[in-house]
């Protein structure tokens, strides 16, 4: 029997990798804090998975009537990777079912904790090479991964005046036992019944002629300013991030 605990530990058959995930029985949201409750049997899969589990398509159809108290909601996680104060984005495949050709950031449904999923998806979808074709990222990601409750790479000045981002304190419970505490940006997408998290990552790379690659999907990938992203079609999470940053930028100019 596959359950959440085995999924989080990676103890599942290879044929089910990236095909089964967990969902939250309950989510409680306040202005600064999000508590996520998952039960050991909360497993979902795509329609082609031959297991006696809930289907993602079934949960997507559910409607949530209270945005601060969610039930049976899908969870996704990823990152906003800022380099030299620009955002690393990648274009979705033109043949995908949802948002074909739209620009996005690394993300995926959770088959592990919020933070671990964010790092996993970033490493899978973003590779950065210098002018000599040496890999700069994800090699630097090794220092990002920590078993401690604090995110070691989180800069104390991450809410700077140029790129302000609102984050929430995330508490993740498995069978009412706290298994992770982290910080992340958040958006609830009602149309797909998914609570989306993005861990902000800030770094500086002084190399010139950087090459950006999406190793997983082989689609266009690169650095974009806020102004450049405004002219592109972006997935809802990225569009909302841009709206928030532009709003905060205007507030700062008027203070």
C-alpha atoms as a PDB file:
ATOM      1  CA  UNK A   1       0.000   0.000   0.000  1.00  0.00           C
ATOM      2  CA  UNK A   2       1.423   3.367  -1.067  1.00  0.00           C
ATOM      3  CA  UNK A   3       0.829   6.134   1.479  1.00  0.00           C
ATOM      4  CA  UNK A   4       2.045   9.669   2.044  1.00  0.00           C
ATOM      5  CA  UNK A   5       4.849   8.655   4.385  1.00  0.00           C
ATOM      6  CA  UNK A   6       6.319   6.263   1.791  1.00  0.00           C
ATOM      7  CA  UNK A   7       5.887   8.907  -0.900  1.00  0.00           C
ATOM      8  CA  UNK A   8       7.734  11.547   1.134  1.00  0.00           C
ATOM      9  CA  UNK A   9      10.536   9.057   1.784  1.00  0.00           C
ATOM     10  CA  UNK A  10      10.792   8.142  -1.909  1.00  0.00           C
ATOM     11  CA  UNK A  11       9.779   4.532  -1.259  1.00  0.00           C
ATOM     12  CA  UNK A  12       7.582   4.028  -4.313  1.00  0.00           C
ATOM     13  CA  UNK A  13       8.039   2.019  -7.534  1.00  0.00           C
ATOM     14  CA  UNK A  14       9.856   3.923 -10.284  1.00  0.00           C
ATOM     15  CA  UNK A  15       6.889   3.610 -12.642  1.00  0.00           C
ATOM     16  CA  UNK A  16       4.913   5.920 -10.352  1.00  0.00           C
ATOM     17  CA  UNK A  17       7.522   8.695 -10.171  1.00  0.00           C
ATOM     18  CA  UNK A  18       5.934  12.070 -10.978  1.00  0.00           C
ATOM     19  CA  UNK A  19       2.560  10.355 -11.351  1.00  0.00           C
ATOM     20  CA  UNK A  20       1.279  10.214  -7.797  1.00  0.00           C
ATOM     21  CA  UNK A  21       1.209  13.020  -5.238  1.00  0.00           C
ATOM     22  CA  UNK A  22      -0.365  14.022  -1.937  1.00  0.00           C
ATOM     23  CA  UNK A  23      -3.118  16.481  -1.207  1.00  0.00           C
ATOM     24  CA  UNK A  24      -4.206  18.357   1.920  1.00  0.00           C
ATOM     25  CA  UNK A  25      -7.255  17.315   3.907  1.00  0.00           C
ATOM     26  CA  UNK A  26      -7.407  20.781   5.419  1.00  0.00           C
ATOM     27  CA  UNK A  27      -5.613  24.111   5.080  1.00  0.00           C
ATOM     28  CA  UNK A  28      -6.023  27.006   7.516  1.00  0.00           C
ATOM     29  CA  UNK A  29      -4.803  30.410   6.305  1.00  0.00           C
ATOM     30  CA  UNK A  30      -4.290  33.608   8.267  1.00  0.00           C
ATOM     31  CA  UNK A  31      -2.573  36.839   7.228  1.00  0.00           C
ATOM     32  CA  UNK A  32       0.918  35.547   8.040  1.00  0.00           C
ATOM     33  CA  UNK A  33       0.596  31.793   8.607  1.00  0.00           C
ATOM     34  CA  UNK A  34      -0.562  28.710   6.691  1.00  0.00           C
ATOM     35  CA  UNK A  35      -1.208  25.368   8.406  1.00  0.00           C
ATOM     36  CA  UNK A  36      -1.409  22.384   6.039  1.00  0.00           C
ATOM     37  CA  UNK A  37      -2.791  19.068   7.275  1.00  0.00           C
ATOM     38  CA  UNK A  38      -2.234  15.853   5.325  1.00  0.00           C
ATOM     39  CA  UNK A  39      -3.312  12.355   6.311  1.00  0.00           C
ATOM     40  CA  UNK A  40      -1.217   9.291   5.547  1.00  0.00           C
ATOM     41  CA  UNK A  41      -3.783   8.069   3.004  1.00  0.00           C
ATOM     42  CA  UNK A  42      -4.080  11.352   1.068  1.00  0.00           C
ATOM     43  CA  UNK A  43      -2.692  10.064  -2.246  1.00  0.00           C
ATOM     44  CA  UNK A  44      -3.826  11.245  -5.685  1.00  0.00           C
ATOM     45  CA  UNK A  45      -2.691  10.310  -9.180  1.00  0.00           C
ATOM     46  CA  UNK A  46      -3.240  11.066 -12.829  1.00  0.00           C
ATOM     47  CA  UNK A  47      -6.083   9.268 -14.586  1.00  0.00           C
ATOM     48  CA  UNK A  48      -3.747   6.667 -16.119  1.00  0.00           C
ATOM     49  CA  UNK A  49      -2.392   5.435 -12.746  1.00  0.00           C
ATOM     50  CA  UNK A  50      -3.700   1.923 -12.067  1.00  0.00           C
ATOM     51  CA  UNK A  51      -4.116   2.311  -8.306  1.00  0.00           C
ATOM     52  CA  UNK A  52      -7.192   2.505  -6.115  1.00  0.00           C
ATOM     53  CA  UNK A  53      -6.609   6.160  -5.233  1.00  0.00           C
ATOM     54  CA  UNK A  54      -8.272   9.507  -5.873  1.00  0.00           C
ATOM     55  CA  UNK A  55      -7.670  11.131  -9.255  1.00  0.00           C
ATOM     56  CA  UNK A  56      -6.275  14.627  -9.659  1.00  0.00           C
ATOM     57  CA  UNK A  57      -9.078  15.387 -12.106  1.00  0.00           C
ATOM     58  CA  UNK A  58     -11.651  14.629  -9.383  1.00  0.00           C
ATOM     59  CA  UNK A  59     -10.080  17.075  -6.916  1.00  0.00           C
ATOM     60  CA  UNK A  60      -9.667  19.782  -9.558  1.00  0.00           C
ATOM     61  CA  UNK A  61     -13.443  19.859  -9.993  1.00  0.00           C
ATOM     62  CA  UNK A  62     -14.075  20.678  -6.329  1.00  0.00           C
ATOM     63  CA  UNK A  63     -15.104  24.227  -5.466  1.00  0.00           C
ATOM     64  CA  UNK A  64     -13.814  25.968  -2.357  1.00  0.00           C
ATOM     65  CA  UNK A  65     -16.258  28.335  -0.664  1.00  0.00           C
ATOM     66  CA  UNK A  66     -13.960  29.726   2.024  1.00  0.00           C
ATOM     67  CA  UNK A  67     -10.527  30.852   0.861  1.00  0.00           C
ATOM     68  CA  UNK A  68      -9.168  30.854   4.429  1.00  0.00           C
ATOM     69  CA  UNK A  69     -10.244  27.285   5.227  1.00  0.00           C
ATOM     70  CA  UNK A  70      -9.696  24.827   2.394  1.00  0.00           C
ATOM     71  CA  UNK A  71     -10.539  21.108   2.238  1.00  0.00           C
ATOM     72  CA  UNK A  72      -9.219  18.367  -0.047  1.00  0.00           C
ATOM     73  CA  UNK A  73      -6.986  20.772  -1.953  1.00  0.00           C
ATOM     74  CA  UNK A  74      -4.042  19.972  -4.232  1.00  0.00           C
ATOM     75  CA  UNK A  75      -0.650  21.419  -3.310  1.00  0.00           C
ATOM     76  CA  UNK A  76       2.152  22.516  -5.616  1.00  0.00           C
ATOM     77  CA  UNK A  77       5.511  24.071  -4.886  1.00  0.00           C
ATOM     78  CA  UNK A  78       8.348  25.676  -6.769  1.00  0.00           C
ATOM     79  CA  UNK A  79      10.644  28.676  -6.654  1.00  0.00           C
ATOM     80  CA  UNK A  80      11.120  32.233  -7.780  1.00  0.00           C
ATOM     81  CA  UNK A  81      14.817  32.249  -8.649  1.00  0.00           C
ATOM     82  CA  UNK A  82      16.167  35.812  -8.841  1.00  0.00           C
ATOM     83  CA  UNK A  83      19.638  36.334 -10.320  1.00  0.00           C
ATOM     84  CA  UNK A  84      21.080  39.833 -10.433  1.00  0.00           C
ATOM     85  CA  UNK A  85      17.571  41.086  -9.554  1.00  0.00           C
ATOM     86  CA  UNK A  86      16.038  39.451 -12.637  1.00  0.00           C
ATOM     87  CA  UNK A  87      13.763  36.409 -12.581  1.00  0.00           C
ATOM     88  CA  UNK A  88      14.652  33.077 -14.208  1.00  0.00           C
ATOM     89  CA  UNK A  89      11.663  31.938 -16.262  1.00  0.00           C
ATOM     90  CA  UNK A  90      10.978  29.125 -18.692  1.00  0.00           C
ATOM     91  CA  UNK A  91       8.360  28.751 -21.401  1.00  0.00           C
ATOM     92  CA  UNK A  92       5.787  25.964 -21.196  1.00  0.00           C
ATOM     93  CA  UNK A  93       5.525  23.495 -24.054  1.00  0.00           C
ATOM     94  CA  UNK A  94       3.246  24.618 -26.878  1.00  0.00           C
ATOM     95  CA  UNK A  95       1.417  21.267 -26.822  1.00  0.00           C
ATOM     96  CA  UNK A  96       0.701  21.080 -23.089  1.00  0.00           C
ATOM     97  CA  UNK A  97      -2.939  20.999 -21.912  1.00  0.00           C
ATOM     98  CA  UNK A  98      -2.736  23.943 -19.529  1.00  0.00           C
ATOM     99  CA  UNK A  99      -1.333  27.382 -20.487  1.00  0.00           C
ATOM    100  CA  UNK A 100       0.544  26.249 -23.639  1.00  0.00           C
ATOM    101  CA  UNK A 101       3.433  28.563 -24.480  1.00  0.00           C
ATOM    102  CA  UNK A 102       3.000  30.640 -21.335  1.00  0.00           C
ATOM    103  CA  UNK A 103       6.008  31.703 -19.271  1.00  0.00           C
ATOM    104  CA  UNK A 104       6.437  30.208 -15.815  1.00  0.00           C
ATOM    105  CA  UNK A 105       8.929  29.412 -13.060  1.00  0.00           C
ATOM    106  CA  UNK A 106       9.988  25.957 -11.779  1.00  0.00           C
ATOM    107  CA  UNK A 107       7.097  24.213 -10.004  1.00  0.00           C
ATOM    108  CA  UNK A 108       5.267  20.933  -9.661  1.00  0.00           C
ATOM    109  CA  UNK A 109       2.733  19.067  -7.526  1.00  0.00           C
ATOM    110  CA  UNK A 110       4.076  17.948  -4.162  1.00  0.00           C
ATOM    111  CA  UNK A 111       5.399  14.426  -3.791  1.00  0.00           C
ATOM    112  CA  UNK A 112       7.519  15.613  -0.857  1.00  0.00           C
ATOM    113  CA  UNK A 113       7.507  18.615   1.502  1.00  0.00           C
ATOM    114  CA  UNK A 114       6.969  22.201   0.344  1.00  0.00           C
ATOM    115  CA  UNK A 115      10.644  23.171   0.562  1.00  0.00           C
ATOM    116  CA  UNK A 116      12.025  19.891  -0.824  1.00  0.00           C
ATOM    117  CA  UNK A 117       9.614  20.014  -3.770  1.00  0.00           C
ATOM    118  CA  UNK A 118      10.659  23.605  -4.521  1.00  0.00           C
ATOM    119  CA  UNK A 119      14.345  22.681  -4.625  1.00  0.00           C
ATOM    120  CA  UNK A 120      13.691  19.467  -6.590  1.00  0.00           C
ATOM    121  CA  UNK A 121      11.674  21.269  -9.261  1.00  0.00           C
ATOM    122  CA  UNK A 122      14.223  24.089  -9.537  1.00  0.00           C
ATOM    123  CA  UNK A 123      17.106  21.678 -10.021  1.00  0.00           C
ATOM    124  CA  UNK A 124      15.129  19.641 -12.585  1.00  0.00           C
ATOM    125  CA  UNK A 125      13.969  22.605 -14.666  1.00  0.00           C
ATOM    126  CA  UNK A 126      16.807  25.132 -14.476  1.00  0.00           C
ATOM    127  CA  UNK A 127      20.443  24.762 -15.484  1.00  0.00           C
ATOM    128  CA  UNK A 128      22.820  27.702 -15.846  1.00  0.00           C
ATOM    129  CA  UNK A 129      26.152  27.506 -17.665  1.00  0.00           C
ATOM    130  CA  UNK A 130      28.902  30.080 -18.081  1.00  0.00           C
ATOM    131  CA  UNK A 131      30.647  31.097 -21.300  1.00  0.00           C
ATOM    132  CA  UNK A 132      32.973  28.101 -20.937  1.00  0.00           C
ATOM    133  CA  UNK A 133      29.955  25.750 -20.653  1.00  0.00           C
ATOM    134  CA  UNK A 134      30.675  25.048 -16.993  1.00  0.00           C
ATOM    135  CA  UNK A 135      27.568  24.362 -14.905  1.00  0.00           C
ATOM    136  CA  UNK A 136      27.023  27.122 -12.329  1.00  0.00           C
ATOM    137  CA  UNK A 137      23.578  25.946 -11.246  1.00  0.00           C
ATOM    138  CA  UNK A 138      22.447  23.485  -9.854  1.00  0.00           C
ATOM    139  CA  UNK A 139      25.917  23.030  -8.369  1.00  0.00           C
ATOM    140  CA  UNK A 140      25.329  26.032  -6.121  1.00  0.00           C
ATOM    141  CA  UNK A 141      22.023  24.456  -5.026  1.00  0.00           C
ATOM    142  CA  UNK A 142      23.886  22.038  -2.778  1.00  0.00           C
ATOM    143  CA  UNK A 143      24.313  24.767  -0.173  1.00  0.00           C
ATOM    144  CA  UNK A 144      20.583  25.547  -0.339  1.00  0.00           C
ATOM    145  CA  UNK A 145      19.477  22.132   0.910  1.00  0.00           C
ATOM    146  CA  UNK A 146      19.315  21.773   4.678  1.00  0.00           C
ATOM    147  CA  UNK A 147      17.583  19.467   7.139  1.00  0.00           C
ATOM    148  CA  UNK A 148      17.233  22.332   9.595  1.00  0.00           C
ATOM    149  CA  UNK A 149      13.938  24.153   9.947  1.00  0.00           C
ATOM    150  CA  UNK A 150      15.521  27.410   8.747  1.00  0.00           C
ATOM    151  CA  UNK A 151      16.261  28.021   5.092  1.00  0.00           C
ATOM    152  CA  UNK A 152      19.991  28.609   5.172  1.00  0.00           C
ATOM    153  CA  UNK A 153      20.189  30.604   1.940  1.00  0.00           C
ATOM    154  CA  UNK A 154      17.384  32.965   2.936  1.00  0.00           C
ATOM    155  CA  UNK A 155      18.948  36.462   2.996  1.00  0.00           C
ATOM    156  CA  UNK A 156      17.857  38.670   5.871  1.00  0.00           C
ATOM    157  CA  UNK A 157      17.256  41.483   3.394  1.00  0.00           C
ATOM    158  CA  UNK A 158      15.139  39.494   0.956  1.00  0.00           C
ATOM    159  CA  UNK A 159      12.297  42.031   1.252  1.00  0.00           C
ATOM    160  CA  UNK A 160      14.361  44.759  -0.313  1.00  0.00           C
ATOM    161  CA  UNK A 161      12.909  47.876  -1.919  1.00  0.00           C
ATOM    162  CA  UNK A 162      13.382  46.670  -5.479  1.00  0.00           C
ATOM    163  CA  UNK A 163      11.784  43.222  -5.238  1.00  0.00           C
ATOM    164  CA  UNK A 164       9.386  43.084  -2.283  1.00  0.00           C
ATOM    165  CA  UNK A 165       7.615  39.732  -1.924  1.00  0.00           C
ATOM    166  CA  UNK A 166       5.088  38.740   0.701  1.00  0.00           C
ATOM    167  CA  UNK A 167       5.804  35.349   2.246  1.00  0.00           C
ATOM    168  CA  UNK A 168       3.912  33.191   4.723  1.00  0.00           C
ATOM    169  CA  UNK A 169       5.106  30.976   7.535  1.00  0.00           C
ATOM    170  CA  UNK A 170       4.191  27.471   6.370  1.00  0.00           C
ATOM    171  CA  UNK A 171       3.554  24.649   8.850  1.00  0.00           C
ATOM    172  CA  UNK A 172       3.131  21.183   7.371  1.00  0.00           C
ATOM    173  CA  UNK A 173       1.484  18.446   9.454  1.00  0.00           C
ATOM    174  CA  UNK A 174       1.349  14.711   8.689  1.00  0.00           C
ATOM    175  CA  UNK A 175      -1.271  12.964  10.834  1.00  0.00           C
ATOM    176  CA  UNK A 176      -1.241  16.063  13.074  1.00  0.00           C
ATOM    177  CA  UNK A 177       2.538  15.837  13.596  1.00  0.00           C
ATOM    178  CA  UNK A 178       4.559  18.871  12.443  1.00  0.00           C
ATOM    179  CA  UNK A 179       7.063  17.702   9.809  1.00  0.00           C
ATOM    180  CA  UNK A 180       8.175  20.990   8.205  1.00  0.00           C
ATOM    181  CA  UNK A 181       8.277  24.707   8.865  1.00  0.00           C
ATOM    182  CA  UNK A 182       9.351  26.976   6.046  1.00  0.00           C
ATOM    183  CA  UNK A 183       8.595  30.297   4.323  1.00  0.00           C
ATOM    184  CA  UNK A 184       7.093  30.790   0.885  1.00  0.00           C
ATOM    185  CA  UNK A 185       5.013  33.025  -1.355  1.00  0.00           C
ATOM    186  CA  UNK A 186       1.496  31.691  -1.910  1.00  0.00           C
ATOM    187  CA  UNK A 187      -1.425  31.775  -4.343  1.00  0.00           C
ATOM    188  CA  UNK A 188      -4.654  29.738  -4.389  1.00  0.00           C
ATOM    189  CA  UNK A 189      -5.849  28.837  -7.910  1.00  0.00           C
ATOM    190  CA  UNK A 190      -9.533  28.082  -7.540  1.00  0.00           C
ATOM    191  CA  UNK A 191      -9.952  26.924 -11.131  1.00  0.00           C
ATOM    192  CA  UNK A 192      -7.633  23.971 -10.540  1.00  0.00           C
ATOM    193  CA  UNK A 193      -8.231  23.693  -6.760  1.00  0.00           C
ATOM    194  CA  UNK A 194      -4.512  24.077  -6.104  1.00  0.00           C
ATOM    195  CA  UNK A 195      -2.634  25.952  -3.413  1.00  0.00           C
ATOM    196  CA  UNK A 196       0.613  27.058  -5.015  1.00  0.00           C
ATOM    197  CA  UNK A 197       3.788  27.887  -3.076  1.00  0.00           C
ATOM    198  CA  UNK A 198       6.993  29.476  -4.364  1.00  0.00           C
ATOM    199  CA  UNK A 199      10.204  29.670  -2.317  1.00  0.00           C
ATOM    200  CA  UNK A 200      12.133  32.874  -3.180  1.00  0.00           C
ATOM    201  CA  UNK A 201      15.804  32.311  -3.996  1.00  0.00           C
ATOM    202  CA  UNK A 202      18.129  35.284  -4.490  1.00  0.00           C
ATOM    203  CA  UNK A 203      21.664  35.069  -5.788  1.00  0.00           C
ATOM    204  CA  UNK A 204      24.198  37.011  -7.848  1.00  0.00           C
ATOM    205  CA  UNK A 205      26.235  35.596 -10.707  1.00  0.00           C
ATOM    206  CA  UNK A 206      28.827  37.954 -12.190  1.00  0.00           C
ATOM    207  CA  UNK A 207      29.615  35.757 -15.177  1.00  0.00           C
ATOM    208  CA  UNK A 208      28.922  37.178 -18.629  1.00  0.00           C
ATOM    209  CA  UNK A 209      27.307  35.310 -21.513  1.00  0.00           C
ATOM    210  CA  UNK A 210      25.280  33.012 -19.288  1.00  0.00           C
ATOM    211  CA  UNK A 211      23.382  30.164 -20.914  1.00  0.00           C
ATOM    212  CA  UNK A 212      20.027  29.083 -19.441  1.00  0.00           C
ATOM    213  CA  UNK A 213      18.659  25.605 -20.120  1.00  0.00           C
ATOM    214  CA  UNK A 214      15.546  23.672 -19.158  1.00  0.00           C
ATOM    215  CA  UNK A 215      16.974  20.109 -18.973  1.00  0.00           C
ATOM    216  CA  UNK A 216      13.562  18.536 -18.408  1.00  0.00           C
ATOM    217  CA  UNK A 217      11.403  20.102 -21.118  1.00  0.00           C
ATOM    218  CA  UNK A 218      13.999  21.655 -23.467  1.00  0.00           C
ATOM    219  CA  UNK A 219      11.987  24.891 -23.761  1.00  0.00           C
ATOM    220  CA  UNK A 220      13.097  28.523 -23.886  1.00  0.00           C
ATOM    221  CA  UNK A 221      14.617  29.648 -20.583  1.00  0.00           C
ATOM    222  CA  UNK A 222      16.282  32.864 -19.473  1.00  0.00           C
ATOM    223  CA  UNK A 223      16.431  35.981 -17.298  1.00  0.00           C
ATOM    224  CA  UNK A 224      13.646  38.550 -17.555  1.00  0.00           C
ATOM    225  CA  UNK A 225      13.027  41.910 -15.905  1.00  0.00           C
ATOM    226  CA  UNK A 226       9.584  42.818 -14.575  1.00  0.00           C
ATOM    227  CA  UNK A 227       9.072  45.100 -17.583  1.00  0.00           C
ATOM    228  CA  UNK A 228       9.959  42.303 -20.025  1.00  0.00           C
ATOM    229  CA  UNK A 229       7.602  39.855 -18.314  1.00  0.00           C
ATOM    230  CA  UNK A 230       4.741  42.364 -18.512  1.00  0.00           C
ATOM    231  CA  UNK A 231       4.799  41.952 -22.299  1.00  0.00           C
ATOM    232  CA  UNK A 232       4.603  38.120 -22.170  1.00  0.00           C
ATOM    233  CA  UNK A 233       1.822  35.650 -21.452  1.00  0.00           C
ATOM    234  CA  UNK A 234       2.469  34.324 -17.941  1.00  0.00           C
ATOM    235  CA  UNK A 235       0.864  31.567 -15.868  1.00  0.00           C
ATOM    236  CA  UNK A 236      -1.413  32.831 -13.054  1.00  0.00           C
ATOM    237  CA  UNK A 237       1.190  32.504 -10.280  1.00  0.00           C
ATOM    238  CA  UNK A 238       3.780  34.504 -12.207  1.00  0.00           C
ATOM    239  CA  UNK A 239       1.189  37.070 -13.323  1.00  0.00           C
ATOM    240  CA  UNK A 240       0.137  37.574  -9.704  1.00  0.00           C
ATOM    241  CA  UNK A 241       3.767  37.956  -8.585  1.00  0.00           C
ATOM    242  CA  UNK A 242       4.320  40.662 -11.202  1.00  0.00           C
ATOM    243  CA  UNK A 243       1.164  42.472 -10.103  1.00  0.00           C
ATOM    244  CA  UNK A 244       2.304  42.436  -6.467  1.00  0.00           C
ATOM    245  CA  UNK A 245       5.827  43.645  -7.259  1.00  0.00           C
ATOM    246  CA  UNK A 246       4.554  46.459  -9.482  1.00  0.00           C
ATOM    247  CA  UNK A 247       2.056  47.510  -6.817  1.00  0.00           C
ATOM    248  CA  UNK A 248       4.749  47.533  -4.139  1.00  0.00           C
ATOM    249  CA  UNK A 249       7.096  49.436  -6.407  1.00  0.00           C
ATOM    250  CA  UNK A 250       4.492  52.173  -6.881  1.00  0.00           C
ATOM    251  CA  UNK A 251       3.922  52.365  -3.119  1.00  0.00           C
ATOM    252  CA  UNK A 252       7.649  52.786  -2.519  1.00  0.00           C
ATOM    253  CA  UNK A 253       7.869  55.611  -5.079  1.00  0.00           C
ATOM    254  CA  UNK A 254       5.106  57.500  -3.294  1.00  0.00           C
ATOM    255  CA  UNK A 255       6.686  57.204   0.166  1.00  0.00           C
END
